[in-house]
Protein backbone atom coordinates (compact mmCIF):
# COMPACT_ATOMS: atom_id res chain seq x y z
CA MET A 1 128.05 -88.03 162.24
CA THR A 2 125.46 -88.06 159.43
CA THR A 3 123.23 -85.01 159.34
CA GLU A 4 119.59 -85.66 158.53
CA LEU A 5 118.47 -83.28 155.80
CA PRO A 6 114.92 -82.24 154.90
CA SER A 7 113.63 -82.55 151.35
CA PRO A 8 114.65 -79.57 149.18
CA LEU A 9 112.23 -76.69 149.76
CA SER A 10 112.82 -72.95 149.80
CA LEU A 11 111.95 -71.17 153.04
CA TRP A 12 110.58 -68.28 150.97
CA VAL A 13 108.30 -70.44 148.82
CA ASP A 14 107.05 -72.41 151.83
CA THR A 15 106.14 -69.35 153.90
CA ALA A 16 104.46 -67.16 151.26
CA PRO A 17 101.41 -68.72 149.59
CA ALA A 18 100.52 -67.14 146.27
CA PRO A 19 97.12 -66.34 144.77
CA ASP A 20 95.81 -68.70 142.10
CA ARG A 21 96.30 -67.13 138.67
CA ALA A 22 95.52 -70.35 136.79
CA GLY A 23 93.57 -70.01 133.57
CA GLY A 24 94.87 -66.56 132.63
CA LEU A 25 94.73 -65.82 128.90
CA VAL A 26 97.51 -64.33 126.80
CA PRO A 27 96.11 -61.04 125.44
CA PRO A 28 96.58 -60.24 121.74
CA GLU A 29 98.29 -56.88 122.30
CA ALA A 30 100.22 -54.80 124.83
CA GLU A 31 102.59 -51.85 124.85
CA VAL A 32 105.25 -53.81 126.74
CA VAL A 33 105.66 -57.55 127.25
CA VAL A 34 107.93 -58.60 130.12
CA ILE A 35 109.08 -62.23 129.97
CA GLY A 36 109.82 -63.52 133.46
CA ALA A 37 108.14 -62.73 136.80
CA GLY A 38 111.27 -62.57 138.95
CA ILE A 39 112.74 -59.49 140.57
CA ALA A 40 114.08 -57.87 137.38
CA GLY A 41 110.91 -58.53 135.39
CA LEU A 42 108.44 -57.42 138.04
CA THR A 43 110.44 -54.29 138.90
CA THR A 44 110.43 -53.33 135.21
CA ALA A 45 106.72 -54.09 134.88
CA TYR A 46 105.78 -52.13 138.01
CA ARG A 47 107.69 -49.02 136.96
CA LEU A 48 106.21 -49.05 133.44
CA ALA A 49 102.68 -49.73 134.71
CA GLU A 50 103.12 -46.88 137.19
CA ALA A 51 104.03 -44.67 134.22
CA GLY A 52 100.80 -45.62 132.47
CA ARG A 53 102.09 -48.23 130.03
CA ALA A 54 99.95 -51.26 129.17
CA VAL A 55 102.12 -54.09 130.48
CA VAL A 56 101.78 -57.87 130.24
CA VAL A 57 104.06 -60.19 132.26
CA LEU A 58 104.48 -63.73 130.93
CA GLU A 59 105.80 -66.32 133.38
CA ALA A 60 106.62 -69.94 132.44
CA GLY A 61 105.87 -71.10 136.00
CA LYS A 62 104.59 -69.13 138.98
CA VAL A 63 105.36 -65.61 140.18
CA ALA A 64 108.54 -65.64 142.32
CA GLY A 65 108.67 -69.43 142.10
CA GLY A 66 111.98 -69.65 140.26
CA VAL A 67 115.37 -68.05 140.88
CA SER A 68 114.01 -65.08 142.86
CA GLY A 69 112.23 -67.45 145.23
CA HIS A 70 115.43 -69.41 145.85
CA THR A 71 117.92 -66.85 147.10
CA THR A 72 119.68 -65.82 150.30
CA ALA A 73 117.70 -62.54 150.07
CA LYS A 74 120.40 -60.06 151.03
CA VAL A 75 119.53 -56.55 149.86
CA SER A 76 123.01 -55.13 149.79
CA ALA A 77 125.36 -53.06 147.66
CA GLN A 78 128.23 -55.09 149.12
CA HIS A 79 128.82 -57.71 146.43
CA ALA A 80 131.75 -59.63 147.90
CA LEU A 81 135.07 -57.89 147.07
CA ILE A 82 134.08 -56.12 143.87
CA TYR A 83 134.81 -52.41 144.17
CA ASP A 84 138.61 -52.57 144.11
CA LYS A 85 138.35 -54.71 140.95
CA LEU A 86 135.78 -52.38 139.38
CA LYS A 87 137.98 -49.38 140.10
CA SER A 88 140.84 -51.14 138.32
CA ARG A 89 138.77 -52.37 135.35
CA LYS A 90 136.17 -49.64 134.89
CA GLY A 91 137.78 -46.68 136.62
CA LEU A 92 136.55 -44.87 139.71
CA ASP A 93 133.56 -43.48 137.80
CA GLY A 94 132.51 -47.01 136.81
CA ALA A 95 132.77 -48.20 140.41
CA ARG A 96 130.73 -45.20 141.53
CA GLN A 97 128.00 -45.83 138.97
CA TYR A 98 127.78 -49.49 139.91
CA GLY A 99 127.61 -48.72 143.64
CA LYS A 100 125.05 -45.95 143.19
CA ALA A 101 122.81 -48.26 141.13
CA GLN A 102 122.83 -50.83 143.95
CA LEU A 103 122.19 -48.27 146.70
CA ASP A 104 119.40 -46.66 144.67
CA ALA A 105 117.84 -50.11 144.21
CA LEU A 106 118.00 -50.79 147.96
CA GLU A 107 116.35 -47.48 148.83
CA TRP A 108 113.72 -47.93 146.10
CA ILE A 109 112.72 -51.28 147.61
CA ALA A 110 112.46 -49.69 151.05
CA ALA A 111 110.35 -46.77 149.80
CA THR A 112 108.10 -48.88 147.56
CA ALA A 113 107.47 -51.51 150.24
CA ASP A 114 106.31 -48.67 152.48
CA ALA A 115 104.25 -46.91 149.80
CA GLU A 116 102.53 -50.12 148.65
CA ASP A 117 102.21 -51.48 152.20
CA ILE A 118 104.04 -54.71 151.31
CA ASP A 119 104.80 -56.75 154.43
CA CYS A 120 108.10 -58.35 153.38
CA SER A 121 109.96 -58.22 156.72
CA PHE A 122 112.31 -55.53 155.39
CA SER A 123 114.93 -54.73 158.03
CA ARG A 124 118.19 -52.83 158.04
CA GLN A 125 121.34 -54.84 158.72
CA ASP A 126 125.04 -54.13 158.47
CA SER A 127 126.83 -56.34 155.95
CA TYR A 128 130.34 -57.79 156.33
CA VAL A 129 132.85 -59.54 154.09
CA TYR A 130 135.33 -61.05 156.52
CA ALA A 131 138.46 -63.15 156.77
CA THR A 132 139.58 -65.50 159.54
CA GLY A 133 143.25 -65.44 158.50
CA ARG A 134 145.67 -62.52 158.51
CA GLY A 135 146.71 -63.18 154.92
CA ARG A 136 143.62 -61.46 153.52
CA VAL A 137 143.64 -58.37 155.70
CA ASP A 138 145.42 -56.12 153.19
CA GLU A 139 142.95 -57.15 150.48
CA LEU A 140 140.06 -56.26 152.76
CA LYS A 141 141.57 -52.86 153.53
CA HIS A 142 142.05 -52.11 149.82
CA GLU A 143 138.41 -53.07 149.17
CA ALA A 144 137.17 -50.85 152.01
CA ASP A 145 139.16 -47.91 150.66
CA ALA A 146 137.93 -48.43 147.08
CA ALA A 147 134.30 -48.81 148.16
CA SER A 148 134.46 -45.72 150.35
CA GLU A 149 136.07 -43.74 147.53
CA ALA A 150 133.24 -44.89 145.24
CA GLY A 151 130.67 -43.43 147.63
CA LEU A 152 129.59 -46.56 149.47
CA PRO A 153 128.98 -46.59 153.27
CA ALA A 154 132.07 -48.75 153.77
CA ASP A 155 134.88 -49.03 156.28
CA TYR A 156 137.37 -51.58 157.55
CA VAL A 157 136.81 -53.10 160.98
CA GLY A 158 139.14 -55.25 163.05
CA GLU A 159 138.27 -58.37 164.97
CA ILE A 160 134.63 -59.47 165.00
CA ALA A 161 133.29 -61.58 167.84
CA PRO A 162 131.26 -64.73 167.26
CA PRO A 163 129.35 -65.91 165.29
CA VAL A 164 132.19 -65.63 162.77
CA GLY A 165 135.29 -64.87 164.80
CA ALA A 166 136.94 -62.81 162.04
CA VAL A 167 140.31 -61.06 162.24
CA GLY A 168 139.07 -58.30 159.94
CA ALA A 169 136.20 -57.31 157.66
CA VAL A 170 134.82 -54.79 155.20
CA ARG A 171 131.63 -53.38 156.68
CA PHE A 172 128.78 -51.75 154.75
CA THR A 173 126.35 -49.99 157.08
CA GLY A 174 122.63 -49.54 156.46
CA GLN A 175 122.10 -52.54 154.18
CA ALA A 176 119.02 -54.77 154.48
CA GLN A 177 117.35 -58.16 154.25
CA PHE A 178 113.76 -59.16 153.48
CA HIS A 179 111.39 -61.93 152.46
CA PRO A 180 111.87 -61.93 148.66
CA ARG A 181 108.73 -63.84 147.71
CA ARG A 182 106.44 -61.69 149.84
CA TRP A 183 108.05 -58.64 148.27
CA LEU A 184 107.48 -59.93 144.74
CA LEU A 185 103.94 -61.12 145.40
CA GLY A 186 103.18 -57.64 146.73
CA LEU A 187 104.77 -56.07 143.66
CA ALA A 188 102.71 -58.35 141.40
CA LYS A 189 99.51 -57.31 143.18
CA ALA A 190 100.47 -53.65 142.69
CA ILE A 191 101.11 -54.23 138.97
CA GLU A 192 97.62 -55.67 138.55
CA ARG A 193 96.11 -52.79 140.51
CA LEU A 194 97.83 -50.40 138.09
CA GLY A 195 96.23 -52.19 135.13
CA GLY A 196 99.02 -54.60 134.23
CA ARG A 197 98.35 -58.26 133.50
CA ILE A 198 100.30 -61.29 134.75
CA VAL A 199 99.89 -64.62 132.98
CA GLU A 200 101.39 -67.70 134.65
CA ASP A 201 102.14 -71.07 133.03
CA ALA A 202 102.78 -69.22 129.77
CA ARG A 203 106.19 -70.41 128.58
CA VAL A 204 107.57 -68.25 125.77
CA THR A 205 108.90 -70.28 122.83
CA HIS A 206 109.92 -67.59 120.36
CA VAL A 207 110.18 -63.81 119.99
CA GLU A 208 110.13 -62.01 116.66
CA GLU A 209 112.15 -58.82 116.27
CA ARG A 210 108.98 -57.01 115.15
CA GLY A 211 107.53 -57.52 118.64
CA VAL A 212 105.50 -60.71 118.37
CA VAL A 213 105.92 -63.00 121.38
CA HIS A 214 104.91 -66.64 120.93
CA THR A 215 103.89 -68.75 123.92
CA GLU A 216 102.56 -72.26 124.38
CA HIS A 217 99.08 -70.73 124.72
CA GLY A 218 98.98 -68.04 122.06
CA ARG A 219 100.88 -64.96 121.01
CA VAL A 220 100.92 -61.29 121.90
CA ARG A 221 102.14 -58.28 119.92
CA ALA A 222 103.95 -55.43 121.68
CA ARG A 223 106.07 -52.39 120.94
CA ASP A 224 108.74 -53.36 123.50
CA VAL A 225 109.76 -56.79 124.78
CA VAL A 226 111.88 -57.37 127.89
CA VAL A 227 113.60 -60.74 128.34
CA ALA A 228 114.11 -61.14 132.10
CA THR A 229 114.24 -64.94 132.22
CA HIS A 230 117.39 -65.26 134.32
CA TYR A 231 119.24 -66.97 131.45
CA PRO A 232 118.16 -65.27 128.19
CA ILE A 233 116.06 -67.70 126.16
CA LEU A 234 116.95 -66.16 122.78
CA ASP A 235 120.33 -67.11 121.30
CA ARG A 236 120.60 -64.13 118.96
CA GLY A 237 122.50 -62.07 121.54
CA LEU A 238 125.05 -64.88 122.08
CA PHE A 239 124.60 -64.62 125.84
CA PHE A 240 125.21 -68.36 126.15
CA ALA A 241 128.84 -67.61 125.23
CA ARG A 242 129.17 -64.79 127.76
CA LEU A 243 127.62 -66.14 130.96
CA ASP A 244 128.97 -68.50 133.60
CA PRO A 245 126.16 -70.44 135.38
CA VAL A 246 126.63 -71.14 139.10
CA ARG A 247 124.50 -72.75 141.81
CA ASP A 248 124.84 -72.00 145.52
CA LEU A 249 123.31 -74.16 148.24
CA VAL A 250 121.49 -72.92 151.34
CA VAL A 251 120.50 -74.66 154.58
CA ALA A 252 118.48 -73.03 157.35
CA GLY A 253 117.59 -74.08 160.86
CA GLU A 254 117.09 -73.01 164.46
CA THR A 255 119.81 -72.32 166.99
CA GLY A 256 119.73 -72.27 170.75
CA THR A 257 120.62 -68.57 170.98
CA PRO A 258 119.15 -65.44 169.36
CA TRP A 259 120.91 -64.17 166.24
CA PRO A 260 123.04 -61.12 167.13
CA GLY A 261 122.38 -59.36 163.82
CA GLY A 262 124.42 -58.63 160.72
CA MET A 263 124.96 -60.42 157.39
CA TYR A 264 128.30 -62.12 156.81
CA LEU A 265 130.26 -63.51 153.85
CA ASP A 266 133.58 -65.34 154.17
CA ALA A 267 136.05 -63.85 151.67
CA VAL A 268 137.81 -67.22 151.27
CA THR A 269 135.14 -69.94 151.41
CA HIS A 270 132.32 -67.67 150.14
CA ARG A 271 130.01 -69.08 152.80
CA SER A 272 127.28 -66.62 153.73
CA LEU A 273 125.59 -66.33 157.10
CA ARG A 274 122.62 -64.40 158.45
CA GLY A 275 119.56 -64.72 160.63
CA TYR A 276 115.86 -64.53 159.75
CA ASP A 277 112.78 -65.01 161.94
CA GLY A 278 114.46 -67.30 164.47
CA LEU A 279 116.41 -69.22 161.83
CA VAL A 280 120.04 -69.03 160.72
CA LEU A 281 120.68 -69.24 156.96
CA VAL A 282 124.01 -70.62 155.79
CA GLY A 283 124.90 -70.56 152.08
CA GLY A 284 127.83 -71.80 150.04
CA GLU A 285 129.27 -74.88 148.33
CA HIS A 286 128.81 -73.26 144.93
CA TYR A 287 129.45 -75.24 141.74
CA ARG A 288 128.83 -74.88 138.02
CA THR A 289 125.29 -75.93 137.07
CA GLY A 290 125.38 -79.45 135.64
CA GLU A 291 128.89 -80.17 136.87
CA HIS A 292 129.49 -83.83 137.75
CA VAL A 293 129.45 -83.43 141.52
CA ASP A 294 127.64 -85.11 144.39
CA VAL A 295 125.21 -82.30 145.22
CA ASP A 296 123.74 -84.17 148.17
CA ALA A 297 127.22 -84.50 149.70
CA ARG A 298 127.72 -80.75 149.30
CA TYR A 299 124.49 -80.12 151.17
CA ARG A 300 125.79 -82.32 153.99
CA ARG A 301 129.06 -80.40 154.16
CA LEU A 302 127.10 -77.17 154.35
CA ALA A 303 124.91 -78.61 157.11
CA GLU A 304 128.06 -79.52 159.04
CA ALA A 305 129.29 -75.95 158.65
CA ALA A 306 125.91 -74.69 159.83
CA ALA A 307 126.23 -76.85 162.94
CA ARG A 308 129.44 -74.96 163.81
CA PHE A 309 127.36 -71.77 163.73
CA GLY A 310 124.83 -73.28 166.14
CA VAL A 311 122.23 -74.78 163.79
CA THR A 312 121.08 -77.88 165.65
CA LYS A 313 118.89 -79.32 162.90
CA PRO A 314 118.30 -78.01 159.34
CA THR A 315 114.62 -77.42 158.63
CA TYR A 316 115.00 -76.08 155.07
CA ARG A 317 117.43 -76.51 152.22
CA TRP A 318 117.36 -75.09 148.72
CA SER A 319 119.68 -74.01 145.92
CA ALA A 320 120.21 -70.57 144.42
CA HIS A 321 120.99 -70.23 140.71
CA ASP A 322 122.68 -67.30 139.02
CA MET A 323 124.87 -66.17 136.14
CA SER A 324 128.12 -64.23 136.18
CA THR A 325 129.35 -62.05 133.33
CA VAL A 326 132.94 -61.95 132.10
CA ASP A 327 133.58 -58.57 133.79
CA SER A 328 131.31 -58.99 136.86
CA VAL A 329 128.85 -56.29 135.70
CA PRO A 330 125.31 -57.39 134.69
CA TYR A 331 124.04 -57.11 131.11
CA VAL A 332 121.12 -54.67 131.06
CA GLY A 333 119.91 -52.90 127.94
CA ARG A 334 119.39 -53.62 124.24
CA TYR A 335 119.39 -57.35 123.48
CA HIS A 336 121.86 -56.95 120.60
CA PRO A 337 123.40 -53.98 118.76
CA ALA A 338 120.66 -53.82 116.09
CA ALA A 339 117.77 -54.17 118.54
CA ARG A 340 115.51 -51.17 119.05
CA HIS A 341 112.67 -52.55 121.13
CA LEU A 342 114.07 -55.85 122.46
CA TRP A 343 115.66 -55.62 125.91
CA VAL A 344 117.46 -57.94 128.33
CA ALA A 345 118.52 -58.17 131.98
CA THR A 346 120.83 -60.96 133.18
CA GLY A 347 124.13 -61.82 134.84
CA PHE A 348 123.64 -60.60 138.41
CA GLY A 349 126.48 -62.70 139.79
CA GLN A 350 124.56 -63.99 142.86
CA TRP A 351 123.52 -60.48 143.85
CA GLY A 352 120.13 -60.36 142.19
CA MET A 353 118.14 -58.60 144.89
CA THR A 354 119.73 -55.21 144.28
CA GLY A 355 121.14 -56.17 140.87
CA GLY A 356 117.77 -57.26 139.47
CA THR A 357 116.04 -54.24 140.97
CA ALA A 358 118.66 -51.90 139.53
CA ALA A 359 118.14 -53.59 136.15
CA GLY A 360 114.38 -52.98 136.28
CA LEU A 361 114.88 -49.32 137.20
CA LEU A 362 117.34 -48.88 134.32
CA LEU A 363 115.15 -50.68 131.75
CA ASP A 364 112.20 -48.50 132.71
CA ARG A 365 114.22 -45.38 131.88
CA LEU A 366 115.61 -46.81 128.63
CA ILE A 367 112.20 -47.94 127.36
CA ARG A 368 110.64 -44.56 128.18
CA GLY A 369 113.55 -42.69 126.57
CA LEU A 370 114.67 -41.00 129.81
CA GLU A 371 118.21 -40.08 130.76
CA ALA A 372 120.15 -43.10 132.06
CA PRO A 373 123.74 -42.20 133.06
CA SER A 374 124.71 -45.81 133.88
CA ALA A 375 123.45 -47.27 130.58
CA ALA A 376 126.94 -47.56 129.07
CA LEU A 377 128.31 -49.38 132.12
CA PHE A 378 125.59 -52.06 131.95
CA ASP A 379 125.30 -52.17 128.14
CA PRO A 380 124.99 -55.87 127.13
CA ASN A 381 126.92 -55.17 123.92
CA ARG A 382 130.00 -53.71 125.57
CA PHE A 383 133.36 -55.31 124.96
CA ASP A 384 136.90 -54.68 126.13
CA LEU A 385 140.16 -56.61 125.87
CA ALA A 386 140.14 -57.38 129.59
CA SER A 387 136.93 -59.38 129.09
CA SER A 388 138.30 -61.49 126.25
CA ALA A 389 140.22 -63.82 128.59
CA GLY A 390 137.07 -64.54 130.60
CA LEU A 391 135.10 -65.10 127.42
CA ALA A 392 137.66 -67.61 126.14
CA ARG A 393 137.75 -69.36 129.52
CA ASN A 394 133.96 -69.72 129.67
CA ASN A 395 133.77 -71.20 126.20
CA ALA A 396 136.66 -73.58 126.86
CA VAL A 397 134.64 -74.96 129.76
CA VAL A 398 131.61 -75.40 127.51
CA ALA A 399 133.74 -77.19 124.90
CA LYS A 400 135.10 -79.49 127.61
CA TYR A 401 131.63 -80.58 128.61
CA LEU A 402 130.33 -80.76 125.06
CA VAL A 403 133.08 -83.20 124.06
CA GLY A 404 134.01 -84.80 127.38
CA ASP A 405 130.50 -85.74 128.49
CA HIS A 406 129.80 -87.56 125.24
CA LEU A 407 133.00 -89.54 125.73
CA ARG A 408 132.20 -90.16 129.40
CA ALA A 409 128.75 -91.53 128.57
CA ALA A 410 130.05 -93.63 125.67
CA LEU A 411 132.68 -95.29 127.87
CA SER A 412 130.55 -95.57 131.00
CA ARG A 413 130.04 -99.05 132.42
CA SER A 414 127.12 -97.93 134.53
CA LYS A 415 123.99 -99.95 133.92
CA VAL A 416 120.42 -98.77 134.11
CA ASP A 417 119.45 -102.03 135.84
CA ASP A 418 121.79 -101.14 138.72
CA LEU A 419 120.06 -97.85 139.52
CA ARG A 420 118.60 -97.53 142.99
CA PRO A 421 115.68 -95.20 143.84
CA GLY A 422 116.82 -91.57 143.63
CA GLU A 423 119.72 -92.28 141.26
CA GLY A 424 120.26 -91.34 137.62
CA VAL A 425 122.79 -92.02 134.88
CA VAL A 426 123.47 -91.07 131.26
CA THR A 427 124.41 -93.96 128.96
CA ARG A 428 124.86 -94.53 125.27
CA ARG A 429 122.19 -96.55 123.52
CA GLY A 430 122.82 -97.20 119.85
CA ALA A 431 123.65 -93.86 118.20
CA GLY A 432 121.96 -91.85 120.94
CA PHE A 433 122.30 -91.04 124.63
CA VAL A 434 119.70 -91.74 127.28
CA ALA A 435 119.15 -90.08 130.66
CA SER A 436 117.74 -92.75 132.98
CA CYS A 437 116.44 -92.11 136.50
CA ARG A 438 114.74 -94.35 139.03
CA THR A 439 112.29 -92.39 141.17
CA GLU A 440 111.83 -92.89 144.90
CA ASP A 441 108.76 -94.95 143.98
CA ASP A 442 111.02 -97.26 141.94
CA GLU A 443 109.66 -96.02 138.61
CA LEU A 444 112.19 -95.95 135.75
CA ARG A 445 112.02 -92.75 133.69
CA GLU A 446 114.07 -92.31 130.53
CA VAL A 447 114.44 -89.24 128.33
CA ASN A 448 116.77 -88.09 125.58
CA ALA A 449 119.97 -86.92 127.27
CA ARG A 450 120.72 -84.16 124.76
CA CYS A 451 119.76 -80.70 126.02
CA THR A 452 117.24 -79.15 123.65
CA HIS A 453 119.14 -75.86 123.71
CA LEU A 454 122.42 -76.69 121.93
CA GLY A 455 122.80 -80.43 122.35
CA CYS A 456 125.09 -80.87 125.36
CA LEU A 457 124.49 -83.93 127.53
CA VAL A 458 122.67 -83.36 130.80
CA ALA A 459 123.90 -84.58 134.20
CA PHE A 460 121.89 -85.87 137.15
CA ASN A 461 121.43 -83.64 140.19
CA ASN A 462 120.99 -86.16 143.01
CA ALA A 463 119.68 -83.57 145.51
CA GLU A 464 116.96 -81.82 143.48
CA LYS A 465 116.39 -84.92 141.27
CA THR A 466 116.75 -82.97 138.05
CA TRP A 467 118.70 -83.20 134.80
CA ASP A 468 121.02 -80.18 134.55
CA CYS A 469 122.96 -79.00 131.50
CA PRO A 470 126.60 -78.08 132.29
CA CYS A 471 127.02 -75.99 129.13
CA HIS A 472 124.35 -73.31 129.51
CA ALA A 473 122.45 -74.22 132.70
CA SER A 474 119.12 -75.46 131.36
CA ARG A 475 117.39 -77.70 133.91
CA PHE A 476 114.79 -80.41 133.36
CA GLY A 477 112.56 -82.62 135.49
CA THR A 478 113.02 -86.38 135.38
CA ASP A 479 110.04 -86.47 133.00
CA GLY A 480 111.91 -84.12 130.66
CA SER A 481 109.87 -80.99 131.43
CA VAL A 482 111.73 -77.66 131.36
CA ILE A 483 112.45 -76.22 134.80
CA GLN A 484 114.83 -73.44 133.75
CA GLY A 485 116.06 -72.15 130.38
CA PRO A 486 117.61 -71.17 128.08
CA ALA A 487 115.98 -74.36 126.75
CA THR A 488 112.32 -73.85 125.85
CA LYS A 489 111.55 -77.41 124.71
CA PRO A 490 111.42 -80.50 126.96
CA LEU A 491 113.66 -83.55 126.73
CA SER A 492 111.78 -86.10 124.63
CA PRO A 493 110.77 -89.37 126.31
CA MET A 494 112.48 -92.57 125.22
């Protein structure tokens, strides 16, 4: 049976219209410039504006229109099976600091939504990581013990009735879910009320160490600059060598029965499951950004899985995009060892709702010179021998795509003339490589296939109709325009 899928559109973007901030000017000066109006950037900006700092937020697109508007929106300190690993790698104190940062972020969202009267459908839910086979039960019990020892509200539970039918699970009580875009739009409104400024459609192209931020529409000078662009747009911190880009897919639709409550994640398949406002959201089918996969087919597999959970017809589908670090702990702090007023937040490993909020709370304290006990744990410039294997593995993957994709395109027998509407291909033409796509209106669009970040060849995403870079996760429209960095320049037309 073929499942009919809707056009890609985030539930959160569709159900939360934003005010028109078009025509905003980049001011000449500020105390703090925050680059990126997602959850990490807006949390940082709100806290600093609340403390009386003159803050300017620069956003390449629209507030909460990027990664933070395309998420599963779980507000939970339960980040898959992480605490047993953290205890082993970072010690019990490291696991405690990580867990406390996530719980503090959750409670800060709850308190601030109440104080600012932000209607974001915040509701408490228990969270579960479960298994359907007995082979993972011991692992779940170890995780429950480690999380409990680290101070999390965790325990192990036995069989769980439908919707998941698990034989065992790690349960975190008192977690939450919300509408992420409504939350961020409310936070943006509060920032402006506190005197902060938000400028949309202001893509940053360069940042000087002395605090001058260049955009496509002017420049602004600041004492402190925060790069919260999901994937850091500045290469000087070598983050492109230390991050693994991943995309997760989500489908949502109605079921014939009310959702019983709870948020669920399969420990084996990594499929997530929860209810929201009469819909059931099913996530999974993750893959490396730009990997040569049939994304549309993965959406269909996910829709088939959703049908087993009672979703009769998908009404929304979208993809979530995130970065993982080599040791599973985000990078939050000074951009590089010599930086004094340049800051970064990235690498939330698909747990950006609490992770990004925790990053904003930490950056606020660091910028204002306040005590920050968890700063060493999240320090972007940390290094240990256990991380070196992950670092080597990430860069081996990049090298594979950098070399292999050039060879693939050079040897490809695919022809541009054979493209049907909605298809794309990269081919060699003379000494260069061309990314060719035929739109649904049968228009042929061709752009340079070399990513403007570091020169890897892009690959066609047949679901979102974008050109995605498998090396460092830049994404471009079929006209070459930048959708997501680290690239700041478009693909040139052919």
